[in-house]
């Protein structure tokens, strides 16, 4: 299982951005990443949901391919 820090790093976002997207307070994310706090299953679900790529990000990344298929 990946840690919160690994998941966040893979997504390329800051703790503040993850907090904004997930509704989990940034200090709680920091505590989970450093091992001072063990995240609940519900908190992990919220964080994982917030870390899924957004459709707009995927479209931005694949813009040329989408336009070429027109």
N, C-alpha and C. Protein backbone atom coordinates (compact mmCIF):
# COMPACT_ATOMS: atom_id res chain seq x y z
N UNK A 1 0.84 -1.19 0.00
CA UNK A 1 0.00 0.00 0.00
C UNK A 1 0.88 1.25 0.00
N UNK A 2 0.57 2.19 -0.84
CA UNK A 2 1.32 3.43 -0.91
C UNK A 2 0.95 4.34 0.25
N UNK A 3 1.93 5.12 0.68
CA UNK A 3 1.66 6.08 1.74
C UNK A 3 1.00 7.32 1.17
N UNK A 4 0.46 8.13 2.05
CA UNK A 4 -0.17 9.38 1.63
C UNK A 4 0.85 10.24 0.89
N UNK A 5 2.07 10.32 1.42
CA UNK A 5 3.10 11.14 0.79
C UNK A 5 3.44 10.63 -0.60
N UNK A 6 3.53 9.32 -0.77
CA UNK A 6 3.84 8.74 -2.08
C UNK A 6 2.72 9.03 -3.08
N UNK A 7 1.49 8.88 -2.64
CA UNK A 7 0.35 9.14 -3.52
C UNK A 7 0.31 10.61 -3.93
N UNK A 8 0.55 11.49 -2.96
CA UNK A 8 0.52 12.92 -3.25
C UNK A 8 1.66 13.31 -4.18
N UNK A 9 2.84 12.77 -3.93
CA UNK A 9 4.00 13.08 -4.78
C UNK A 9 3.76 12.60 -6.21
N UNK A 10 3.16 11.42 -6.35
CA UNK A 10 2.88 10.89 -7.68
C UNK A 10 1.89 11.79 -8.42
N UNK A 11 0.97 12.41 -7.68
CA UNK A 11 0.00 13.30 -8.29
C UNK A 11 0.61 14.67 -8.57
N UNK A 12 1.74 14.97 -7.94
CA UNK A 12 2.41 16.24 -8.18
C UNK A 12 1.70 17.45 -7.60
N UNK A 13 1.07 17.27 -6.44
CA UNK A 13 0.37 18.40 -5.82
C UNK A 13 0.89 18.62 -4.40
N UNK A 14 0.66 19.81 -3.89
CA UNK A 14 1.10 20.16 -2.54
C UNK A 14 0.11 19.66 -1.51
N UNK A 15 0.54 19.68 -0.25
CA UNK A 15 -0.37 19.32 0.83
C UNK A 15 -1.56 20.29 0.86
N UNK A 16 -1.30 21.55 0.62
CA UNK A 16 -2.37 22.55 0.63
C UNK A 16 -3.41 22.25 -0.45
N UNK A 17 -2.94 21.88 -1.64
CA UNK A 17 -3.87 21.56 -2.73
C UNK A 17 -4.65 20.29 -2.41
N UNK A 18 -3.99 19.30 -1.84
CA UNK A 18 -4.68 18.08 -1.45
C UNK A 18 -5.73 18.37 -0.38
N UNK A 19 -5.39 19.24 0.55
CA UNK A 19 -6.36 19.63 1.58
C UNK A 19 -7.57 20.31 0.95
N UNK A 20 -7.32 21.21 0.00
CA UNK A 20 -8.43 21.91 -0.66
C UNK A 20 -9.32 20.93 -1.40
N UNK A 21 -8.72 20.00 -2.14
CA UNK A 21 -9.49 19.05 -2.92
C UNK A 21 -10.25 18.04 -2.08
N UNK A 22 -9.65 17.63 -0.95
CA UNK A 22 -10.22 16.53 -0.15
C UNK A 22 -11.09 16.98 1.00
N UNK A 23 -10.89 18.22 1.47
CA UNK A 23 -11.61 18.67 2.66
C UNK A 23 -10.95 18.19 3.94
N UNK A 24 -9.77 17.58 3.84
CA UNK A 24 -9.00 17.16 5.01
C UNK A 24 -8.03 18.28 5.34
N UNK A 25 -7.97 18.67 6.60
CA UNK A 25 -7.09 19.77 7.00
C UNK A 25 -5.64 19.46 6.68
N UNK A 26 -4.92 20.46 6.18
CA UNK A 26 -3.51 20.28 5.81
C UNK A 26 -2.66 19.76 6.96
N UNK A 27 -2.84 20.26 8.21
CA UNK A 27 -2.04 19.70 9.30
C UNK A 27 -2.29 18.19 9.51
N UNK A 28 -3.49 17.74 9.24
CA UNK A 28 -3.78 16.31 9.36
C UNK A 28 -3.07 15.51 8.27
N UNK A 29 -2.99 16.09 7.07
CA UNK A 29 -2.26 15.44 5.98
C UNK A 29 -0.79 15.36 6.34
N UNK A 30 -0.23 16.46 6.85
CA UNK A 30 1.18 16.48 7.24
C UNK A 30 1.45 15.45 8.33
N UNK A 31 0.59 15.37 9.31
CA UNK A 31 0.77 14.41 10.40
C UNK A 31 0.71 12.97 9.88
N UNK A 32 -0.16 12.72 8.92
CA UNK A 32 -0.25 11.38 8.33
C UNK A 32 1.00 11.05 7.54
N UNK A 33 1.53 12.03 6.82
CA UNK A 33 2.71 11.80 6.00
C UNK A 33 3.96 11.55 6.85
N UNK A 34 4.04 12.18 8.01
CA UNK A 34 5.22 12.02 8.86
C UNK A 34 5.08 10.86 9.85
N UNK A 35 3.90 10.25 9.89
CA UNK A 35 3.69 9.12 10.79
C UNK A 35 3.24 9.50 12.18
N UNK A 36 3.00 10.79 12.43
CA UNK A 36 2.50 11.22 13.73
C UNK A 36 1.04 10.85 13.92
N UNK A 37 0.36 10.60 12.83
CA UNK A 37 -1.06 10.28 12.89
C UNK A 37 -1.33 9.17 11.87
N UNK A 38 -2.16 8.24 12.27
CA UNK A 38 -2.55 7.17 11.35
C UNK A 38 -3.91 7.54 10.75
N UNK A 39 -3.97 7.68 9.43
CA UNK A 39 -5.24 8.09 8.81
C UNK A 39 -6.29 6.98 8.92
N UNK A 40 -7.51 7.39 9.14
CA UNK A 40 -8.62 6.44 9.17
C UNK A 40 -8.91 5.95 7.75
N UNK A 41 -9.60 4.83 7.63
CA UNK A 41 -9.97 4.37 6.28
C UNK A 41 -10.79 5.41 5.51
N UNK A 42 -11.65 6.14 6.22
CA UNK A 42 -12.47 7.16 5.57
C UNK A 42 -11.60 8.31 5.06
N UNK A 43 -10.60 8.69 5.87
CA UNK A 43 -9.71 9.77 5.45
C UNK A 43 -8.90 9.33 4.23
N UNK A 44 -8.41 8.10 4.23
CA UNK A 44 -7.67 7.60 3.08
C UNK A 44 -8.53 7.59 1.83
N UNK A 45 -9.80 7.20 1.97
CA UNK A 45 -10.71 7.23 0.83
C UNK A 45 -10.86 8.64 0.28
N UNK A 46 -11.02 9.62 1.16
CA UNK A 46 -11.16 11.01 0.72
C UNK A 46 -9.91 11.50 0.01
N UNK A 47 -8.75 11.13 0.56
CA UNK A 47 -7.49 11.55 -0.05
C UNK A 47 -7.30 10.88 -1.41
N UNK A 48 -7.58 9.59 -1.50
CA UNK A 48 -7.43 8.89 -2.79
C UNK A 48 -8.38 9.46 -3.84
N UNK A 49 -9.61 9.75 -3.43
CA UNK A 49 -10.56 10.36 -4.37
C UNK A 49 -10.04 11.70 -4.87
N UNK A 50 -9.48 12.48 -3.97
CA UNK A 50 -8.98 13.81 -4.34
C UNK A 50 -7.74 13.72 -5.21
N UNK A 51 -7.02 12.60 -5.16
CA UNK A 51 -5.79 12.44 -5.93
C UNK A 51 -6.01 11.87 -7.32
N UNK A 52 -7.23 11.46 -7.62
CA UNK A 52 -7.50 10.96 -8.97
C UNK A 52 -7.31 12.10 -9.96
N UNK A 53 -6.75 11.80 -11.12
CA UNK A 53 -6.57 12.87 -12.11
C UNK A 53 -7.91 13.46 -12.52
N UNK A 54 -7.94 14.76 -12.62
CA UNK A 54 -9.16 15.43 -13.05
C UNK A 54 -9.27 15.35 -14.57
N UNK A 55 -10.48 15.27 -15.09
CA UNK A 55 -10.65 15.20 -16.55
C UNK A 55 -9.96 16.34 -17.27
N UNK A 56 -10.00 17.54 -16.71
CA UNK A 56 -9.36 18.68 -17.36
C UNK A 56 -7.84 18.49 -17.45
N UNK A 57 -7.25 17.87 -16.43
CA UNK A 57 -5.81 17.62 -16.46
C UNK A 57 -5.47 16.58 -17.53
N UNK A 58 -6.29 15.55 -17.63
CA UNK A 58 -6.06 14.53 -18.65
C UNK A 58 -6.21 15.11 -20.05
N UNK A 59 -7.24 15.93 -20.24
CA UNK A 59 -7.45 16.55 -21.55
C UNK A 59 -6.30 17.49 -21.91
N UNK A 60 -5.81 18.22 -20.93
CA UNK A 60 -4.68 19.12 -21.18
C UNK A 60 -3.46 18.32 -21.61
N UNK A 61 -3.23 17.21 -20.94
CA UNK A 61 -2.07 16.36 -21.26
C UNK A 61 -2.20 15.72 -22.65
N UNK A 62 -3.42 15.36 -23.03
CA UNK A 62 -3.65 14.65 -24.30
C UNK A 62 -4.31 15.54 -25.36
N UNK A 63 -4.19 16.84 -25.22
CA UNK A 63 -4.87 17.79 -26.11
C UNK A 63 -4.56 17.53 -27.58
N UNK A 64 -3.30 17.37 -27.89
CA UNK A 64 -2.92 17.17 -29.30
C UNK A 64 -3.55 15.92 -29.87
N UNK A 65 -3.59 14.85 -29.09
CA UNK A 65 -4.19 13.61 -29.55
C UNK A 65 -5.69 13.77 -29.78
N UNK A 66 -6.35 14.47 -28.89
CA UNK A 66 -7.80 14.69 -29.01
C UNK A 66 -8.09 15.51 -30.27
N UNK A 67 -7.31 16.58 -30.47
CA UNK A 67 -7.53 17.41 -31.64
C UNK A 67 -7.20 16.68 -32.94
N UNK A 68 -6.23 15.81 -32.91
CA UNK A 68 -5.84 15.05 -34.11
C UNK A 68 -6.93 14.06 -34.54
N UNK A 69 -7.73 13.61 -33.60
CA UNK A 69 -8.78 12.63 -33.88
C UNK A 69 -10.06 13.26 -34.41
N UNK A 70 -10.07 14.54 -34.60
CA UNK A 70 -11.30 15.22 -35.05
C UNK A 70 -11.61 14.88 -36.47
